[in-house]
Amino acid sequence: MLSLDKNIFQKGSDVRSWMVEYGKLTDELRIIVYTKPGFEPEQISDNTWAYPTNNRFNFLYFGRAYNIAKNFLKDGKFLVTSQDAMANLLALALKIKFKAKFQAQIHTDFSSLYFKKESLKNFLRFLVYRFSIKYADCVRVVSERIKKSLQTKNYPPAALERSDSGRGKLKTEPQVLPIFVDIEKIKNAPVKISLREQYPQFDFIILMASRLTKEKNIGMAIRAMRGVVKKYPKTGLIIIGEGAEEKKLKAESRKLKANIVFENWADDLASYYKTADLFLLTSNYEGYGRTIIEAMAASRAVVMTDVGIAGEIIKDGYNGLVVPVGDARTLEEALVKAIGDKFLRGNLVISAEYALLNLPSKAEYLENLKKTWENCAAKANKTGIGV
């Protein structure tokens, strides 16, 4: 497994716990983690190991990771799984050299025009994604939206074959496996922090929990709030998060005087969800939208842009309100509608609870993930798999 999450080396972290669970699905799990210097290789369970690259410069990652991987890929009976564009190139090199199987995991909607236009870096990532998944033995995506985008647009002709209907299709059918969210944990979590007690000046609280980066388009929410507070002066927007856009967004919110409060990121968001009145997501693109599921599990009404699981899990007007990407005016109208109609919010929450019943349990998620690995690795290893 090629990973960018250094929290794997942090004892007690959620991601480390997940690595232990993943290890139980395999004969052995070897995780190569992109890190800066300062980490040590570590065995984190009976059959699971984590290896830091400890590279001072980013361009050294590929060489370090390759040298680590070649120590245990010599028999060719491994599946290499990656969910980052650049790491996909390394996975492809390992596939070619050691005849390992390669699973590309797509967690972001890289075919979105917003993704490609956001920066030169994203455009390069888009090109790498397109190139690398042509050679993947299997592709796992986290939403139907991504699967559809791979099948219908922005895909290189060389990666297509002709179907009976004459239309192109992927040689490798993407497998949809949503991101697991522990719904019961959120439902049963006690309220430790009350937004209503912290901000008694607000009669209605809208919550956002997000990285403060360009793709999250927090500015759209800030602009929409200017009109919202004209209609409902005691409505507040609480934004929990940190990121490169923080200074800019705070300056914009002060200028508009739209009842907006910023708080630092918190790992335990259950209390925030449960003591807000509505959850808001305004991203330009999402692969999935974990926070939407978490807010639904906390019985909060949801307003979101048409990204990620919108249209798949969130149905506009049924269990949430969905607005076009970048449309601050329509967002303002949706927020005003939700704030003024308590009956509507109640119906959205009830319908959301039914939608959650269709999501996989932890055991089902792990079993489905195991199947994606086994199906991908079957030709390479007849007796089991190593990842």
Protein backbone atom coordinates (compact mmCIF):
# COMPACT_ATOMS: atom_id res chain seq x y z
CA MET A 1 0.00 0.00 0.00
CA LEU A 2 1.36 3.41 -1.00
CA SER A 3 0.19 6.02 1.49
CA LEU A 4 0.66 9.73 2.19
CA ASP A 5 -0.70 9.60 5.75
CA LYS A 6 2.09 9.85 8.31
CA ASN A 7 -0.49 9.39 11.11
CA ILE A 8 -0.04 5.68 10.48
CA PHE A 9 3.02 6.02 12.75
CA GLN A 10 0.96 7.66 15.52
CA LYS A 11 -0.10 5.14 18.15
CA GLY A 12 -3.83 5.33 18.83
CA SER A 13 -4.71 7.18 15.63
CA ASP A 14 -7.77 6.14 13.63
CA VAL A 15 -5.76 5.55 10.47
CA ARG A 16 -3.34 3.24 12.30
CA SER A 17 -6.30 1.25 13.64
CA TRP A 18 -7.62 0.92 10.10
CA MET A 19 -4.27 -0.39 8.90
CA VAL A 20 -4.50 -3.15 11.52
CA GLU A 21 -7.99 -4.01 10.24
CA TYR A 22 -6.74 -4.03 6.65
CA GLY A 23 -3.91 -6.33 7.65
CA LYS A 24 -6.45 -8.89 8.87
CA LEU A 25 -7.77 -9.15 5.31
CA THR A 26 -4.40 -10.18 3.84
CA ASP A 27 -1.53 -12.59 4.28
CA GLU A 28 0.64 -9.55 4.91
CA LEU A 29 0.31 -5.82 4.52
CA ARG A 30 3.34 -3.64 3.75
CA ILE A 31 2.66 0.10 3.84
CA ILE A 32 5.13 2.55 2.32
CA VAL A 33 4.41 6.00 3.69
CA TYR A 34 5.63 9.29 2.22
CA THR A 35 7.27 11.15 5.13
CA LYS A 36 9.85 13.76 5.88
CA PRO A 37 12.89 12.60 7.94
CA GLY A 38 12.33 11.49 11.52
CA PHE A 39 10.34 8.24 11.34
CA GLU A 40 11.36 4.62 11.87
CA PRO A 41 10.07 1.44 10.19
CA GLU A 42 7.54 -0.21 12.45
CA GLN A 43 5.58 -3.43 12.75
CA ILE A 44 2.10 -2.34 13.78
CA SER A 45 0.46 -5.78 14.00
CA ASP A 46 1.36 -9.43 13.51
CA ASN A 47 1.35 -9.14 9.73
CA THR A 48 1.39 -5.40 9.08
CA TRP A 49 4.45 -3.18 8.65
CA ALA A 50 4.85 0.53 7.94
CA TYR A 51 7.94 1.94 6.19
CA PRO A 52 8.65 5.70 6.09
CA THR A 53 10.45 7.14 3.07
CA ASN A 54 12.10 9.88 5.19
CA ASN A 55 12.93 11.98 2.15
CA ARG A 56 13.96 15.58 2.64
CA PHE A 57 12.90 16.53 -0.90
CA ASN A 58 9.70 15.45 -2.62
CA PHE A 59 11.41 14.23 -5.80
CA LEU A 60 13.33 11.63 -3.77
CA TYR A 61 10.10 9.86 -2.79
CA PHE A 62 9.97 7.59 -5.83
CA GLY A 63 13.51 6.27 -5.45
CA ARG A 64 13.19 5.70 -1.70
CA ALA A 65 9.80 4.01 -1.99
CA TYR A 66 10.99 1.84 -4.89
CA ASN A 67 14.03 0.68 -2.92
CA ILE A 68 11.84 -0.23 0.05
CA ALA A 69 9.31 -2.09 -2.11
CA LYS A 70 11.83 -4.18 -4.03
CA ASN A 71 12.87 -5.92 -0.81
CA PHE A 72 9.57 -7.76 -0.56
CA LEU A 73 8.19 -7.71 -4.12
CA LYS A 74 10.70 -10.17 -5.57
CA ASP A 75 8.26 -13.08 -5.75
CA GLY A 76 5.70 -11.07 -7.75
CA LYS A 77 2.81 -12.28 -5.56
CA PHE A 78 1.78 -8.87 -4.36
CA LEU A 79 -0.93 -6.41 -5.16
CA VAL A 80 0.12 -2.76 -5.01
CA THR A 81 -2.70 -0.34 -4.14
CA SER A 82 -2.45 3.43 -4.46
CA GLN A 83 -4.90 6.34 -4.24
CA ASP A 84 -2.66 9.24 -5.27
CA ALA A 85 -1.89 10.27 -8.83
CA MET A 86 1.89 10.45 -8.44
CA ALA A 87 2.04 7.28 -6.33
CA ASN A 88 0.22 5.57 -9.19
CA LEU A 89 3.36 6.04 -11.30
CA LEU A 90 5.37 4.21 -8.66
CA ALA A 91 2.75 1.45 -8.53
CA LEU A 92 2.98 1.14 -12.31
CA ALA A 93 6.77 0.87 -12.14
CA LEU A 94 6.46 -1.90 -9.54
CA LYS A 95 3.92 -3.68 -11.71
CA ILE A 96 6.25 -3.63 -14.70
CA LYS A 97 9.41 -4.61 -12.82
CA PHE A 98 8.05 -7.22 -10.39
CA LYS A 99 4.86 -8.32 -12.18
CA ALA A 100 2.77 -7.24 -9.20
CA LYS A 101 -0.91 -6.43 -9.66
CA PHE A 102 -1.87 -2.76 -9.49
CA GLN A 103 -5.09 -1.41 -7.96
CA ALA A 104 -5.78 2.27 -8.55
CA GLN A 105 -8.05 3.77 -5.91
CA ILE A 106 -9.77 6.97 -7.02
CA HIS A 107 -10.96 9.10 -4.10
CA THR A 108 -11.31 12.40 -5.91
CA ASP A 109 -13.32 13.45 -8.96
CA PHE A 110 -10.28 14.21 -11.09
CA SER A 111 -12.38 14.45 -14.26
CA SER A 112 -14.21 17.49 -12.89
CA LEU A 113 -13.46 20.66 -14.85
CA TYR A 114 -13.08 22.45 -11.52
CA PHE A 115 -10.36 20.01 -10.51
CA LYS A 116 -8.38 20.46 -13.71
CA LYS A 117 -8.69 24.25 -13.81
CA GLU A 118 -7.84 24.84 -10.17
CA SER A 119 -4.07 24.78 -10.62
CA LEU A 120 -1.23 23.57 -12.83
CA LYS A 121 -0.50 20.92 -10.22
CA ASN A 122 -4.04 19.57 -10.49
CA PHE A 123 -3.88 19.55 -14.27
CA LEU A 124 -0.69 17.50 -14.12
CA ARG A 125 -2.35 15.16 -11.61
CA PHE A 126 -5.28 14.81 -14.00
CA LEU A 127 -2.94 13.75 -16.80
CA VAL A 128 -1.16 11.27 -14.54
CA TYR A 129 -4.45 9.78 -13.35
CA ARG A 130 -5.60 9.34 -16.95
CA PHE A 131 -2.35 7.73 -17.97
CA SER A 132 -1.83 5.45 -14.98
CA ILE A 133 -5.30 3.95 -14.66
CA LYS A 134 -5.08 2.73 -18.25
CA TYR A 135 -2.63 0.13 -16.96
CA ALA A 136 -4.29 -0.69 -13.64
CA ASP A 137 -5.44 -4.28 -13.19
CA CYS A 138 -8.45 -2.95 -11.31
CA VAL A 139 -9.92 0.41 -10.36
CA ARG A 140 -11.79 1.14 -7.13
CA VAL A 141 -13.82 4.35 -6.94
CA VAL A 142 -15.71 5.75 -3.95
CA SER A 143 -18.84 7.01 -5.71
CA GLU A 144 -21.05 6.40 -8.72
CA ARG A 145 -20.22 9.93 -9.86
CA ILE A 146 -16.55 9.02 -10.36
CA LYS A 147 -17.44 5.73 -12.03
CA LYS A 148 -19.71 7.50 -14.48
CA SER A 149 -17.09 10.13 -15.25
CA LEU A 150 -14.53 7.43 -16.04
CA GLN A 151 -16.96 5.67 -18.33
CA THR A 152 -18.37 8.62 -20.21
CA LYS A 153 -15.92 11.52 -20.52
CA ASN A 154 -12.38 12.81 -20.30
CA TYR A 155 -10.88 9.38 -20.73
CA PRO A 156 -8.05 8.61 -23.15
CA PRO A 157 -9.19 6.65 -26.22
CA ALA A 158 -6.34 4.16 -25.80
CA ALA A 159 -7.97 2.95 -22.60
CA LEU A 160 -11.30 2.18 -24.24
CA GLU A 161 -12.59 -0.83 -26.07
CA ARG A 162 -15.72 -1.07 -28.16
CA SER A 163 -18.91 -2.51 -26.67
CA ASP A 164 -21.63 -4.29 -28.65
CA SER A 165 -23.47 -0.99 -28.89
CA GLY A 166 -20.45 0.59 -30.56
CA ARG A 167 -19.77 2.90 -27.63
CA GLY A 168 -16.49 2.95 -25.80
CA LYS A 169 -16.14 1.39 -22.39
CA LEU A 170 -13.36 0.92 -19.88
CA LYS A 171 -11.38 -2.27 -20.23
CA THR A 172 -11.42 -2.46 -16.43
CA GLU A 173 -14.87 -1.93 -14.95
CA PRO A 174 -14.52 0.41 -11.96
CA GLN A 175 -15.72 -1.07 -8.68
CA VAL A 176 -17.68 1.30 -6.45
CA LEU A 177 -16.82 0.97 -2.77
CA PRO A 178 -17.90 3.99 -0.70
CA ILE A 179 -15.76 5.37 2.11
CA PHE A 180 -16.80 3.81 5.42
CA VAL A 181 -18.30 6.12 8.03
CA ASP A 182 -19.02 4.76 11.51
CA ILE A 183 -22.60 5.94 11.73
CA GLU A 184 -23.38 4.25 15.04
CA LYS A 185 -20.33 5.84 16.67
CA ILE A 186 -21.56 9.30 15.70
CA LYS A 187 -25.12 8.57 16.79
CA ASN A 188 -23.97 7.36 20.21
CA ALA A 189 -21.29 10.03 20.77
CA PRO A 190 -22.00 12.28 23.78
CA VAL A 191 -22.23 16.03 23.34
CA LYS A 192 -19.04 17.48 24.84
CA ILE A 193 -19.16 20.94 23.25
CA SER A 194 -22.35 22.88 22.58
CA LEU A 195 -22.29 25.46 19.81
CA ARG A 196 -25.55 26.88 21.14
CA GLU A 197 -23.91 27.57 24.51
CA GLN A 198 -20.77 28.95 22.90
CA TYR A 199 -22.67 31.26 20.57
CA PRO A 200 -25.91 32.30 22.34
CA GLN A 201 -26.14 35.32 20.02
CA PHE A 202 -27.30 33.00 17.22
CA ASP A 203 -30.82 31.59 17.01
CA PHE A 204 -29.86 29.35 14.08
CA ILE A 205 -26.42 27.83 13.52
CA ILE A 206 -25.05 26.63 10.17
CA LEU A 207 -21.96 24.44 10.44
CA MET A 208 -19.15 23.83 7.96
CA ALA A 209 -16.25 21.46 8.69
CA SER A 210 -13.62 21.58 6.00
CA ARG A 211 -10.07 22.31 4.98
CA LEU A 212 -9.86 25.98 4.09
CA THR A 213 -8.60 25.42 0.58
CA LYS A 214 -9.62 26.61 -2.85
CA GLU A 215 -11.56 23.51 -3.89
CA LYS A 216 -13.83 23.77 -0.84
CA ASN A 217 -15.08 27.18 -2.05
CA ILE A 218 -15.84 28.51 1.43
CA GLY A 219 -16.06 31.97 -0.13
CA MET A 220 -19.32 30.92 -1.78
CA ALA A 221 -20.83 30.27 1.66
CA ILE A 222 -19.57 33.60 2.99
CA ARG A 223 -21.13 35.49 0.08
CA ALA A 224 -24.42 33.64 0.50
CA MET A 225 -24.50 34.51 4.20
CA ARG A 226 -24.61 38.21 3.38
CA GLY A 227 -28.15 37.75 2.03
CA VAL A 228 -29.13 35.19 4.66
CA VAL A 229 -28.50 37.53 7.61
CA LYS A 230 -30.59 40.24 5.97
CA LYS A 231 -33.54 37.86 6.19
CA TYR A 232 -32.53 36.14 9.44
CA PRO A 233 -30.20 38.47 11.40
CA LYS A 234 -29.54 35.97 14.19
CA THR A 235 -28.24 33.21 11.92
CA GLY A 236 -24.57 32.34 12.33
CA LEU A 237 -22.12 30.34 10.22
CA ILE A 238 -19.48 28.40 12.17
CA ILE A 239 -16.56 27.23 10.04
CA ILE A 240 -14.27 24.60 11.55
CA GLY A 241 -11.05 24.12 9.66
CA GLU A 242 -7.59 25.29 8.71
CA GLY A 243 -5.76 25.77 5.45
CA ALA A 244 -4.09 28.02 2.91
CA GLU A 245 -7.18 30.17 2.33
CA GLU A 246 -7.73 30.96 6.02
CA LYS A 247 -6.39 34.52 6.06
CA LYS A 248 -8.21 35.46 2.85
CA LEU A 249 -11.53 34.00 4.01
CA LYS A 250 -11.37 35.68 7.39
CA ALA A 251 -10.72 39.03 5.73
CA GLU A 252 -13.69 38.51 3.40
CA SER A 253 -16.01 37.57 6.25
CA ARG A 254 -14.99 40.62 8.31
CA LYS A 255 -15.66 42.86 5.33
CA LEU A 256 -19.15 41.45 4.75
CA LYS A 257 -20.11 41.36 8.46
CA ALA A 258 -22.20 38.26 7.92
CA ASN A 259 -22.15 36.54 11.36
CA ILE A 260 -19.28 34.19 10.51
CA VAL A 261 -17.03 32.54 13.10
CA PHE A 262 -13.89 30.49 12.41
CA GLU A 263 -12.68 27.74 14.74
CA ASN A 264 -9.61 25.51 14.54
CA TRP A 265 -10.03 22.00 13.21
CA ALA A 266 -11.28 19.36 15.66
CA ASP A 267 -10.90 15.61 15.11
CA ASP A 268 -14.07 14.85 17.09
CA LEU A 269 -16.83 16.63 15.21
CA ALA A 270 -19.86 14.77 16.59
CA SER A 271 -20.65 17.44 19.18
CA TYR A 272 -20.46 20.17 16.55
CA TYR A 273 -22.81 18.33 14.22
CA LYS A 274 -25.33 17.63 16.98
CA THR A 275 -25.50 21.17 18.32
CA ALA A 276 -25.78 22.93 14.97
CA ASP A 277 -29.07 23.31 13.10
CA LEU A 278 -27.84 22.63 9.57
CA PHE A 279 -24.70 21.35 7.85
CA LEU A 280 -23.31 23.02 4.72
CA LEU A 281 -20.82 21.87 2.08
CA THR A 282 -19.90 24.14 -0.84
CA SER A 283 -17.07 22.24 -2.57
CA ASN A 284 -16.26 22.65 -6.25
CA TYR A 285 -15.63 18.91 -6.44
CA GLU A 286 -15.61 15.91 -4.11
CA GLY A 287 -14.95 12.24 -4.60
CA TYR A 288 -17.38 11.29 -1.86
CA GLY A 289 -18.22 13.71 0.97
CA ARG A 290 -17.60 12.01 4.31
CA THR A 291 -18.76 14.99 6.38
CA ILE A 292 -22.17 14.86 4.69
CA ILE A 293 -22.70 11.29 5.93
CA GLU A 294 -21.45 12.25 9.39
CA ALA A 295 -23.89 15.16 9.57
CA MET A 296 -26.75 12.91 8.46
CA ALA A 297 -25.79 10.41 11.17
CA ALA A 298 -26.02 13.26 13.70
CA SER A 299 -29.58 14.03 12.46
CA ARG A 300 -28.69 17.34 10.84
CA ALA A 301 -30.32 18.70 7.71
CA VAL A 302 -27.85 19.07 4.84
CA VAL A 303 -27.35 21.65 2.09
CA MET A 304 -24.60 20.88 -0.41
CA THR A 305 -23.32 21.62 -3.89
CA ASP A 306 -23.80 19.09 -6.67
CA VAL A 307 -20.62 17.11 -5.99
CA GLY A 308 -19.61 13.71 -4.64
CA ILE A 309 -22.60 11.74 -3.37
CA ALA A 310 -25.19 14.34 -4.45
CA GLY A 311 -27.66 12.53 -6.66
CA GLU A 312 -26.46 9.16 -5.37
CA ILE A 313 -27.15 9.33 -1.63
CA ILE A 314 -28.38 12.91 -1.24
CA LYS A 315 -31.50 13.51 -3.32
CA ASP A 316 -32.44 17.16 -3.75
CA GLY A 317 -35.62 18.00 -1.84
CA TYR A 318 -35.89 14.50 -0.36
CA ASN A 319 -33.07 14.09 2.16
CA GLY A 320 -31.07 17.25 1.47
CA LEU A 321 -30.93 20.38 -0.64
CA VAL A 322 -28.52 20.37 -3.60
CA VAL A 323 -27.41 23.55 -5.40
CA PRO A 324 -25.20 24.10 -8.47
CA VAL A 325 -21.46 24.42 -7.91
CA GLY A 326 -20.38 28.06 -7.54
CA ASP A 327 -23.93 29.49 -7.46
CA ALA A 328 -23.98 31.67 -4.34
CA ARG A 329 -27.39 33.13 -5.19
CA THR A 330 -29.10 29.74 -5.37
CA LEU A 331 -27.28 28.70 -2.20
CA GLU A 332 -28.60 31.76 -0.41
CA GLU A 333 -32.14 30.87 -1.50
CA ALA A 334 -31.72 27.26 -0.31
CA LEU A 335 -30.43 28.38 3.09
CA VAL A 336 -33.24 30.89 3.55
CA LYS A 337 -35.73 28.17 2.62
CA ALA A 338 -34.25 25.68 5.09
CA ILE A 339 -33.98 28.20 7.93
CA GLY A 340 -37.57 29.35 7.54
CA ASP A 341 -39.15 25.91 7.21
CA LYS A 342 -38.68 23.75 10.29
CA PHE A 343 -41.06 21.15 8.85
CA LEU A 344 -38.86 20.82 5.74
CA ARG A 345 -35.73 20.33 7.84
CA GLY A 346 -37.47 17.63 9.85
CA ASN A 347 -38.49 15.77 6.71
CA LEU A 348 -34.96 16.00 5.30
CA VAL A 349 -33.57 14.46 8.50
CA ILE A 350 -36.11 11.63 8.57
CA SER A 351 -35.46 10.78 4.91
CA ALA A 352 -31.71 10.92 5.52
CA GLU A 353 -32.03 8.28 8.23
CA TYR A 354 -33.59 5.91 5.70
CA ALA A 355 -30.76 6.58 3.25
CA LEU A 356 -28.18 5.68 5.90
CA LEU A 357 -29.72 2.23 6.28
CA ASN A 358 -28.43 1.33 2.81
CA LEU A 359 -24.79 2.09 3.62
CA PRO A 360 -22.48 -0.83 4.44
CA SER A 361 -21.57 -1.73 8.00
CA LYS A 362 -17.93 -1.89 9.00
CA ALA A 363 -17.89 -5.67 8.53
CA GLU A 364 -19.52 -5.34 5.10
CA TYR A 365 -17.10 -2.60 4.07
CA LEU A 366 -14.07 -4.67 5.04
CA GLU A 367 -15.44 -7.74 3.29
CA ASN A 368 -16.13 -5.74 0.13
CA LEU A 369 -12.64 -4.24 0.23
CA LYS A 370 -11.15 -7.69 0.62
CA LYS A 371 -13.07 -8.83 -2.45
CA THR A 372 -11.68 -5.96 -4.54
CA TRP A 373 -8.16 -6.99 -3.53
CA GLU A 374 -8.74 -10.70 -4.09
CA ASN A 375 -10.34 -10.17 -7.49
CA CYS A 376 -7.46 -7.95 -8.55
CA ALA A 377 -4.73 -10.25 -7.25
CA ALA A 378 -6.29 -13.59 -8.26
CA LYS A 379 -4.08 -14.12 -11.31
CA ALA A 380 -0.92 -13.29 -9.39
CA ASN A 381 -1.46 -15.45 -6.32
CA LYS A 382 -3.63 -18.54 -6.24
CA THR A 383 -3.29 -19.17 -2.49
CA GLY A 384 -3.94 -15.75 -1.00
CA ILE A 385 -2.82 -12.17 -1.37
CA GLY A 386 -0.29 -9.83 0.01
CA VAL A 387 -0.88 -6.09 -0.30
